[in-house]
Amino acid sequence: MSAAAAAQAPPTIRREPRWQRRKDARPSEVLAAALAAFTEKGFAGARLDDIARRAGVSKGTLYLYFPGKEELFKAVVREGLVSPLAAVREALDSFAGSSAELLRRFILGWWDLVGNTRLAGLPKLMIAEAANFPDIARFYLDEVLLPAHAITARLVARGVDSGEFRPVDTDKTAILITAPFISISAWRHGFDHAMQQEMPALTDGRALLEAHIEMLIRGLAAEPMEKRA
């Protein structure tokens, strides 16, 4: 080829695989793809080759970051649920407002960060598959359920100690506070289409939680709300 022809030839574009072009984004893309696969297919049904395809990486690249499906699932849970729990724990220690307001923020914060996102599929997955995967169940209990329960019980104890809440069993009350989180997750990821037709009120998770908050605050108040007015 002459020098003139070479100068006129279009430049050669080197097309590298997606996982080479965006190396820094690999772990977050893999976790997002894994969350989608786990919540759609379940733990047993999710396949690593499908997760790699969704993330735009090779299966070999996926193994560079996560040695297997169980460790990948744990990373998804730690990223999506354990990290927010740490933030809630810090907020509980530093919050200067009323316990009723803290309770409200705690419940609606769960909705914004988990309940109204794809992460809400994880509790449903655990309910369905925990008995078949005891190691995963133990991990979820230790890193999500028990810490979340402890945080909620501390929130209740804060209100009782300040005299804002009446004396109650903090453990039992904590369970009652968070119980709707599980049911809303199950509804949204199992019966949402049917509920839209048969029970449309159940599809508005935030409105349900607002009603839950009102009942909780009235039930926990050290004196009737009417006397406070």
C-alpha atoms as a PDB file:
ATOM      1  CA  MET A   1       0.000   0.000   0.000  1.00  0.00           C
ATOM      2  CA  SER A   2       1.338   3.437  -0.973  1.00  0.00           C
ATOM      3  CA  ALA A   3       1.893   6.138   1.616  1.00  0.00           C
ATOM      4  CA  ALA A   4      -1.026   8.155   0.177  1.00  0.00           C
ATOM      5  CA  ALA A   5      -3.389   5.182   0.343  1.00  0.00           C
ATOM      6  CA  ALA A   6      -2.331   4.412   3.875  1.00  0.00           C
ATOM      7  CA  ALA A   7      -3.049   7.976   4.894  1.00  0.00           C
ATOM      8  CA  GLN A   8      -6.574   7.738   3.469  1.00  0.00           C
ATOM      9  CA  ALA A   9      -7.397   4.326   4.994  1.00  0.00           C
ATOM     10  CA  PRO A  10      -9.776   4.391   7.974  1.00  0.00           C
ATOM     11  CA  PRO A  11      -8.105   3.808  11.325  1.00  0.00           C
ATOM     12  CA  THR A  12      -8.210   0.280  12.703  1.00  0.00           C
ATOM     13  CA  ILE A  13     -10.515   0.086  15.732  1.00  0.00           C
ATOM     14  CA  ARG A  14      -9.460  -2.480  18.281  1.00  0.00           C
ATOM     15  CA  ARG A  15     -12.567  -3.900  19.874  1.00  0.00           C
ATOM     16  CA  GLU A  16     -11.716  -5.257  23.297  1.00  0.00           C
ATOM     17  CA  PRO A  17     -14.120  -7.363  25.323  1.00  0.00           C
ATOM     18  CA  ARG A  18     -16.417  -5.397  27.586  1.00  0.00           C
ATOM     19  CA  TRP A  19     -14.750  -6.787  30.721  1.00  0.00           C
ATOM     20  CA  GLN A  20     -11.368  -5.442  29.559  1.00  0.00           C
ATOM     21  CA  ARG A  21     -12.695  -1.992  28.743  1.00  0.00           C
ATOM     22  CA  ARG A  22     -14.363  -1.477  32.134  1.00  0.00           C
ATOM     23  CA  LYS A  23     -12.096  -3.263  34.559  1.00  0.00           C
ATOM     24  CA  ASP A  24     -12.845  -1.004  37.534  1.00  0.00           C
ATOM     25  CA  ALA A  25     -16.586  -1.612  37.161  1.00  0.00           C
ATOM     26  CA  ARG A  26     -16.390  -5.413  37.119  1.00  0.00           C
ATOM     27  CA  PRO A  27     -17.255  -6.231  40.758  1.00  0.00           C
ATOM     28  CA  SER A  28     -20.233  -3.851  40.948  1.00  0.00           C
ATOM     29  CA  GLU A  29     -21.566  -5.043  37.591  1.00  0.00           C
ATOM     30  CA  VAL A  30     -21.228  -8.668  38.660  1.00  0.00           C
ATOM     31  CA  LEU A  31     -23.053  -7.971  41.947  1.00  0.00           C
ATOM     32  CA  ALA A  32     -25.881  -6.169  40.134  1.00  0.00           C
ATOM     33  CA  ALA A  33     -26.210  -9.030  37.661  1.00  0.00           C
ATOM     34  CA  ALA A  34     -26.113 -11.576  40.468  1.00  0.00           C
ATOM     35  CA  LEU A  35     -28.832  -9.758  42.415  1.00  0.00           C
ATOM     36  CA  ALA A  36     -31.058  -9.798  39.338  1.00  0.00           C
ATOM     37  CA  ALA A  37     -30.413 -13.499  38.735  1.00  0.00           C
ATOM     38  CA  PHE A  38     -30.908 -14.540  42.362  1.00  0.00           C
ATOM     39  CA  THR A  39     -34.159 -12.631  42.786  1.00  0.00           C
ATOM     40  CA  GLU A  40     -35.530 -13.932  39.469  1.00  0.00           C
ATOM     41  CA  LYS A  41     -34.311 -17.543  39.596  1.00  0.00           C
ATOM     42  CA  GLY A  42     -33.666 -18.193  43.278  1.00  0.00           C
ATOM     43  CA  PHE A  43     -30.386 -19.395  44.734  1.00  0.00           C
ATOM     44  CA  ALA A  44     -30.685 -22.911  43.363  1.00  0.00           C
ATOM     45  CA  GLY A  45     -31.836 -21.765  39.937  1.00  0.00           C
ATOM     46  CA  ALA A  46     -29.253 -19.020  39.374  1.00  0.00           C
ATOM     47  CA  ARG A  47     -26.353 -20.029  37.135  1.00  0.00           C
ATOM     48  CA  LEU A  48     -22.915 -18.442  37.139  1.00  0.00           C
ATOM     49  CA  ASP A  49     -22.678 -18.468  33.346  1.00  0.00           C
ATOM     50  CA  ASP A  50     -25.945 -16.516  33.168  1.00  0.00           C
ATOM     51  CA  ILE A  51     -24.699 -14.046  35.773  1.00  0.00           C
ATOM     52  CA  ALA A  52     -21.463 -13.577  33.818  1.00  0.00           C
ATOM     53  CA  ARG A  53     -23.443 -12.978  30.636  1.00  0.00           C
ATOM     54  CA  ARG A  54     -25.654 -10.398  32.336  1.00  0.00           C
ATOM     55  CA  ALA A  55     -22.575  -8.616  33.698  1.00  0.00           C
ATOM     56  CA  GLY A  56     -20.801  -8.694  30.338  1.00  0.00           C
ATOM     57  CA  VAL A  57     -17.831 -10.660  31.624  1.00  0.00           C
ATOM     58  CA  SER A  58     -16.457 -14.123  31.023  1.00  0.00           C
ATOM     59  CA  LYS A  59     -17.163 -16.858  33.527  1.00  0.00           C
ATOM     60  CA  GLY A  60     -13.441 -17.032  34.190  1.00  0.00           C
ATOM     61  CA  THR A  61     -13.377 -13.336  35.037  1.00  0.00           C
ATOM     62  CA  LEU A  62     -16.248 -13.839  37.481  1.00  0.00           C
ATOM     63  CA  TYR A  63     -14.169 -16.463  39.299  1.00  0.00           C
ATOM     64  CA  LEU A  64     -11.366 -13.927  39.739  1.00  0.00           C
ATOM     65  CA  TYR A  65     -13.623 -12.020  42.111  1.00  0.00           C
ATOM     66  CA  PHE A  66     -15.873 -14.697  43.587  1.00  0.00           C
ATOM     67  CA  PRO A  67     -14.788 -18.341  44.035  1.00  0.00           C
ATOM     68  CA  GLY A  68     -18.308 -19.722  43.709  1.00  0.00           C
ATOM     69  CA  LYS A  69     -22.038 -19.075  43.806  1.00  0.00           C
ATOM     70  CA  GLU A  70     -22.290 -19.149  47.588  1.00  0.00           C
ATOM     71  CA  GLU A  71     -19.597 -16.503  48.036  1.00  0.00           C
ATOM     72  CA  LEU A  72     -21.162 -14.409  45.295  1.00  0.00           C
ATOM     73  CA  PHE A  73     -24.530 -14.560  47.044  1.00  0.00           C
ATOM     74  CA  LYS A  74     -22.930 -13.539  50.328  1.00  0.00           C
ATOM     75  CA  ALA A  75     -21.295 -10.577  48.602  1.00  0.00           C
ATOM     76  CA  VAL A  76     -24.678  -9.500  47.212  1.00  0.00           C
ATOM     77  CA  VAL A  77     -26.222  -9.660  50.683  1.00  0.00           C
ATOM     78  CA  ARG A  78     -23.321  -7.796  52.292  1.00  0.00           C
ATOM     79  CA  GLU A  79     -23.420  -5.088  49.658  1.00  0.00           C
ATOM     80  CA  GLY A  80     -27.193  -4.642  49.642  1.00  0.00           C
ATOM     81  CA  LEU A  81     -28.295  -5.408  53.210  1.00  0.00           C
ATOM     82  CA  VAL A  82     -25.378  -5.591  55.646  1.00  0.00           C
ATOM     83  CA  SER A  83     -23.844  -2.251  54.662  1.00  0.00           C
ATOM     84  CA  PRO A  84     -27.131  -0.330  55.142  1.00  0.00           C
ATOM     85  CA  LEU A  85     -27.523  -1.955  58.566  1.00  0.00           C
ATOM     86  CA  ALA A  86     -24.181  -0.489  59.603  1.00  0.00           C
ATOM     87  CA  ALA A  87     -25.392   2.951  58.523  1.00  0.00           C
ATOM     88  CA  VAL A  88     -28.615   2.514  60.510  1.00  0.00           C
ATOM     89  CA  ARG A  89     -26.607   1.532  63.588  1.00  0.00           C
ATOM     90  CA  GLU A  90     -24.560   4.714  63.317  1.00  0.00           C
ATOM     91  CA  ALA A  91     -27.700   6.821  62.867  1.00  0.00           C
ATOM     92  CA  LEU A  92     -29.251   5.246  65.957  1.00  0.00           C
ATOM     93  CA  ASP A  93     -26.229   6.293  68.008  1.00  0.00           C
ATOM     94  CA  SER A  94     -26.198   9.891  66.759  1.00  0.00           C
ATOM     95  CA  PHE A  95     -29.880  10.755  66.255  1.00  0.00           C
ATOM     96  CA  ALA A  96     -31.004  13.600  68.534  1.00  0.00           C
ATOM     97  CA  GLY A  97     -34.753  13.630  67.777  1.00  0.00           C
ATOM     98  CA  SER A  98     -37.657  11.717  69.267  1.00  0.00           C
ATOM     99  CA  SER A  99     -37.838   7.929  69.227  1.00  0.00           C
ATOM    100  CA  ALA A 100     -41.125   8.134  67.330  1.00  0.00           C
ATOM    101  CA  GLU A 101     -39.418  10.081  64.563  1.00  0.00           C
ATOM    102  CA  LEU A 102     -36.474   7.690  64.589  1.00  0.00           C
ATOM    103  CA  LEU A 103     -38.872   4.756  64.268  1.00  0.00           C
ATOM    104  CA  ARG A 104     -40.558   6.453  61.334  1.00  0.00           C
ATOM    105  CA  ARG A 105     -37.253   7.080  59.583  1.00  0.00           C
ATOM    106  CA  PHE A 106     -36.126   3.523  60.241  1.00  0.00           C
ATOM    107  CA  ILE A 107     -39.211   1.962  58.669  1.00  0.00           C
ATOM    108  CA  LEU A 108     -39.433   4.300  55.672  1.00  0.00           C
ATOM    109  CA  GLY A 109     -35.670   4.039  55.217  1.00  0.00           C
ATOM    110  CA  TRP A 110     -36.098   0.287  54.811  1.00  0.00           C
ATOM    111  CA  TRP A 111     -38.688   0.962  52.116  1.00  0.00           C
ATOM    112  CA  ASP A 112     -36.447   3.367  50.205  1.00  0.00           C
ATOM    113  CA  LEU A 113     -33.284   1.257  50.424  1.00  0.00           C
ATOM    114  CA  VAL A 114     -34.715  -2.268  50.257  1.00  0.00           C
ATOM    115  CA  GLY A 115     -38.483  -2.658  50.040  1.00  0.00           C
ATOM    116  CA  ASN A 116     -38.917  -0.575  46.901  1.00  0.00           C
ATOM    117  CA  THR A 117     -35.893  -2.083  45.159  1.00  0.00           C
ATOM    118  CA  ARG A 118     -34.862  -5.441  43.758  1.00  0.00           C
ATOM    119  CA  LEU A 119     -33.238  -6.191  47.133  1.00  0.00           C
ATOM    120  CA  ALA A 120     -36.716  -6.938  48.498  1.00  0.00           C
ATOM    121  CA  GLY A 121     -36.518 -10.235  46.635  1.00  0.00           C
ATOM    122  CA  LEU A 122     -33.794 -11.508  48.968  1.00  0.00           C
ATOM    123  CA  PRO A 123     -36.030 -12.088  52.031  1.00  0.00           C
ATOM    124  CA  LYS A 124     -38.486 -14.003  49.846  1.00  0.00           C
ATOM    125  CA  LEU A 125     -35.602 -16.080  48.468  1.00  0.00           C
ATOM    126  CA  MET A 126     -34.426 -16.930  51.978  1.00  0.00           C
ATOM    127  CA  ILE A 127     -37.899 -17.967  53.116  1.00  0.00           C
ATOM    128  CA  ALA A 128     -38.225 -20.263  50.117  1.00  0.00           C
ATOM    129  CA  GLU A 129     -34.749 -21.828  50.137  1.00  0.00           C
ATOM    130  CA  ALA A 130     -33.227 -21.538  53.625  1.00  0.00           C
ATOM    131  CA  ALA A 131     -34.144 -25.101  54.567  1.00  0.00           C
ATOM    132  CA  ASN A 132     -32.313 -26.456  51.517  1.00  0.00           C
ATOM    133  CA  PHE A 133     -29.142 -24.404  52.089  1.00  0.00           C
ATOM    134  CA  PRO A 134     -28.412 -24.372  55.843  1.00  0.00           C
ATOM    135  CA  ASP A 135     -25.021 -22.662  55.460  1.00  0.00           C
ATOM    136  CA  ILE A 136     -26.611 -19.792  53.548  1.00  0.00           C
ATOM    137  CA  ALA A 137     -29.419 -19.635  56.113  1.00  0.00           C
ATOM    138  CA  ARG A 138     -26.909 -19.431  58.981  1.00  0.00           C
ATOM    139  CA  PHE A 139     -25.003 -16.667  57.187  1.00  0.00           C
ATOM    140  CA  TYR A 140     -28.204 -14.666  56.582  1.00  0.00           C
ATOM    141  CA  LEU A 141     -29.285 -15.104  60.194  1.00  0.00           C
ATOM    142  CA  ASP A 142     -25.912 -13.986  61.577  1.00  0.00           C
ATOM    143  CA  GLU A 143     -25.285 -11.043  59.255  1.00  0.00           C
ATOM    144  CA  VAL A 144     -28.792  -9.734  58.505  1.00  0.00           C
ATOM    145  CA  LEU A 145     -31.604 -10.971  60.746  1.00  0.00           C
ATOM    146  CA  LEU A 146     -29.913 -10.910  64.155  1.00  0.00           C
ATOM    147  CA  PRO A 147     -28.210  -7.504  63.643  1.00  0.00           C
ATOM    148  CA  ALA A 148     -31.452  -6.018  62.289  1.00  0.00           C
ATOM    149  CA  HIS A 149     -33.352  -7.370  65.286  1.00  0.00           C
ATOM    150  CA  ALA A 150     -30.770  -5.957  67.698  1.00  0.00           C
ATOM    151  CA  ILE A 151     -30.976  -2.526  66.075  1.00  0.00           C
ATOM    152  CA  THR A 152     -34.776  -2.516  66.224  1.00  0.00           C
ATOM    153  CA  ALA A 153     -34.819  -3.646  69.856  1.00  0.00           C
ATOM    154  CA  ARG A 154     -32.362  -0.871  70.732  1.00  0.00           C
ATOM    155  CA  LEU A 155     -34.620   1.655  69.051  1.00  0.00           C
ATOM    156  CA  VAL A 156     -37.559   0.483  71.162  1.00  0.00           C
ATOM    157  CA  ALA A 157     -35.460   0.494  74.335  1.00  0.00           C
ATOM    158  CA  ARG A 158     -34.391   4.067  73.558  1.00  0.00           C
ATOM    159  CA  GLY A 159     -38.010   5.182  73.562  1.00  0.00           C
ATOM    160  CA  VAL A 160     -38.833   3.234  76.737  1.00  0.00           C
ATOM    161  CA  ASP A 161     -35.804   4.582  78.605  1.00  0.00           C
ATOM    162  CA  SER A 162     -36.674   8.170  77.692  1.00  0.00           C
ATOM    163  CA  GLY A 163     -40.283   7.738  78.834  1.00  0.00           C
ATOM    164  CA  GLU A 164     -41.622   8.365  75.333  1.00  0.00           C
ATOM    165  CA  PHE A 165     -42.715   4.735  74.892  1.00  0.00           C
ATOM    166  CA  ARG A 166     -44.562   2.720  77.508  1.00  0.00           C
ATOM    167  CA  PRO A 167     -42.719  -0.265  79.023  1.00  0.00           C
ATOM    168  CA  VAL A 168     -42.831  -3.177  76.563  1.00  0.00           C
ATOM    169  CA  ASP A 169     -40.937  -6.362  75.800  1.00  0.00           C
ATOM    170  CA  THR A 170     -38.327  -4.951  73.410  1.00  0.00           C
ATOM    171  CA  ASP A 171     -37.604  -8.253  71.645  1.00  0.00           C
ATOM    172  CA  LYS A 172     -41.239  -9.041  70.915  1.00  0.00           C
ATOM    173  CA  THR A 173     -41.937  -5.463  69.864  1.00  0.00           C
ATOM    174  CA  ALA A 174     -38.939  -5.473  67.537  1.00  0.00           C
ATOM    175  CA  ILE A 175     -40.315  -8.560  65.800  1.00  0.00           C
ATOM    176  CA  LEU A 176     -43.722  -6.905  65.386  1.00  0.00           C
ATOM    177  CA  ILE A 177     -42.104  -3.770  63.948  1.00  0.00           C
ATOM    178  CA  THR A 178     -40.195  -5.614  61.233  1.00  0.00           C
ATOM    179  CA  ALA A 179     -42.730  -8.347  60.420  1.00  0.00           C
ATOM    180  CA  PRO A 180     -44.369  -6.297  57.624  1.00  0.00           C
ATOM    181  CA  PHE A 181     -40.975  -6.038  55.904  1.00  0.00           C
ATOM    182  CA  ILE A 182     -41.118  -9.765  55.201  1.00  0.00           C
ATOM    183  CA  SER A 183     -44.757  -9.824  54.108  1.00  0.00           C
ATOM    184  CA  ILE A 184     -44.378  -6.827  51.796  1.00  0.00           C
ATOM    185  CA  SER A 185     -41.299  -8.420  50.216  1.00  0.00           C
ATOM    186  CA  ALA A 186     -43.191 -11.657  49.643  1.00  0.00           C
ATOM    187  CA  TRP A 187     -46.226  -9.873  48.196  1.00  0.00           C
ATOM    188  CA  ARG A 188     -44.205  -7.739  45.799  1.00  0.00           C
ATOM    189  CA  HIS A 189     -42.121 -10.635  44.529  1.00  0.00           C
ATOM    190  CA  GLY A 190     -44.744 -13.348  44.503  1.00  0.00           C
ATOM    191  CA  PHE A 191     -48.278 -12.045  44.177  1.00  0.00           C
ATOM    192  CA  ASP A 192     -47.911  -8.494  42.865  1.00  0.00           C
ATOM    193  CA  HIS A 193     -49.716  -9.081  39.559  1.00  0.00           C
ATOM    194  CA  ALA A 194     -52.650 -10.884  41.207  1.00  0.00           C
ATOM    195  CA  MET A 195     -52.909  -8.292  43.965  1.00  0.00           C
ATOM    196  CA  GLN A 196     -53.148  -5.474  41.461  1.00  0.00           C
ATOM    197  CA  GLN A 197     -56.427  -7.011  40.349  1.00  0.00           C
ATOM    198  CA  GLU A 198     -57.818  -8.474  43.580  1.00  0.00           C
ATOM    199  CA  MET A 199     -56.348  -6.322  46.383  1.00  0.00           C
ATOM    200  CA  PRO A 200     -54.822  -3.176  44.876  1.00  0.00           C
ATOM    201  CA  ALA A 201     -54.334  -1.566  48.313  1.00  0.00           C
ATOM    202  CA  LEU A 202     -51.665  -4.166  49.101  1.00  0.00           C
ATOM    203  CA  THR A 203     -49.521  -3.061  46.158  1.00  0.00           C
ATOM    204  CA  ASP A 204     -48.734   0.325  47.748  1.00  0.00           C
ATOM    205  CA  GLY A 205     -46.005  -0.720  50.138  1.00  0.00           C
ATOM    206  CA  ARG A 206     -45.197   2.766  51.373  1.00  0.00           C
ATOM    207  CA  ALA A 207     -48.837   3.494  52.243  1.00  0.00           C
ATOM    208  CA  LEU A 208     -49.006   0.217  54.175  1.00  0.00           C
ATOM    209  CA  LEU A 209     -45.893   1.166  56.111  1.00  0.00           C
ATOM    210  CA  GLU A 210     -47.284   4.628  56.861  1.00  0.00           C
ATOM    211  CA  ALA A 211     -50.349   2.953  58.398  1.00  0.00           C
ATOM    212  CA  HIS A 212     -48.078   0.555  60.279  1.00  0.00           C
ATOM    213  CA  ILE A 213     -46.079   3.471  61.696  1.00  0.00           C
ATOM    214  CA  GLU A 214     -49.209   5.241  62.918  1.00  0.00           C
ATOM    215  CA  MET A 215     -50.433   2.137  64.736  1.00  0.00           C
ATOM    216  CA  LEU A 216     -47.013   1.520  66.253  1.00  0.00           C
ATOM    217  CA  ILE A 217     -46.579   5.049  67.550  1.00  0.00           C
ATOM    218  CA  ARG A 218     -50.075   5.100  69.012  1.00  0.00           C
ATOM    219  CA  GLY A 219     -49.586   1.686  70.575  1.00  0.00           C
ATOM    220  CA  LEU A 220     -46.164   2.479  72.002  1.00  0.00           C
ATOM    221  CA  ALA A 221     -46.988   5.966  73.307  1.00  0.00           C
ATOM    222  CA  ALA A 222     -46.532   6.304  77.059  1.00  0.00           C
ATOM    223  CA  GLU A 223     -49.848   8.193  77.155  1.00  0.00           C
ATOM    224  CA  PRO A 224     -52.763   8.359  74.705  1.00  0.00           C
ATOM    225  CA  MET A 225     -52.083  10.545  71.682  1.00  0.00           C
ATOM    226  CA  GLU A 226     -55.256  12.525  72.388  1.00  0.00           C
ATOM    227  CA  LYS A 227     -53.881  13.681  75.758  1.00  0.00           C
ATOM    228  CA  ARG A 228     -50.719  14.894  74.085  1.00  0.00           C
ATOM    229  CA  ALA A 229     -52.569  17.275  71.809  1.00  0.00           C
END
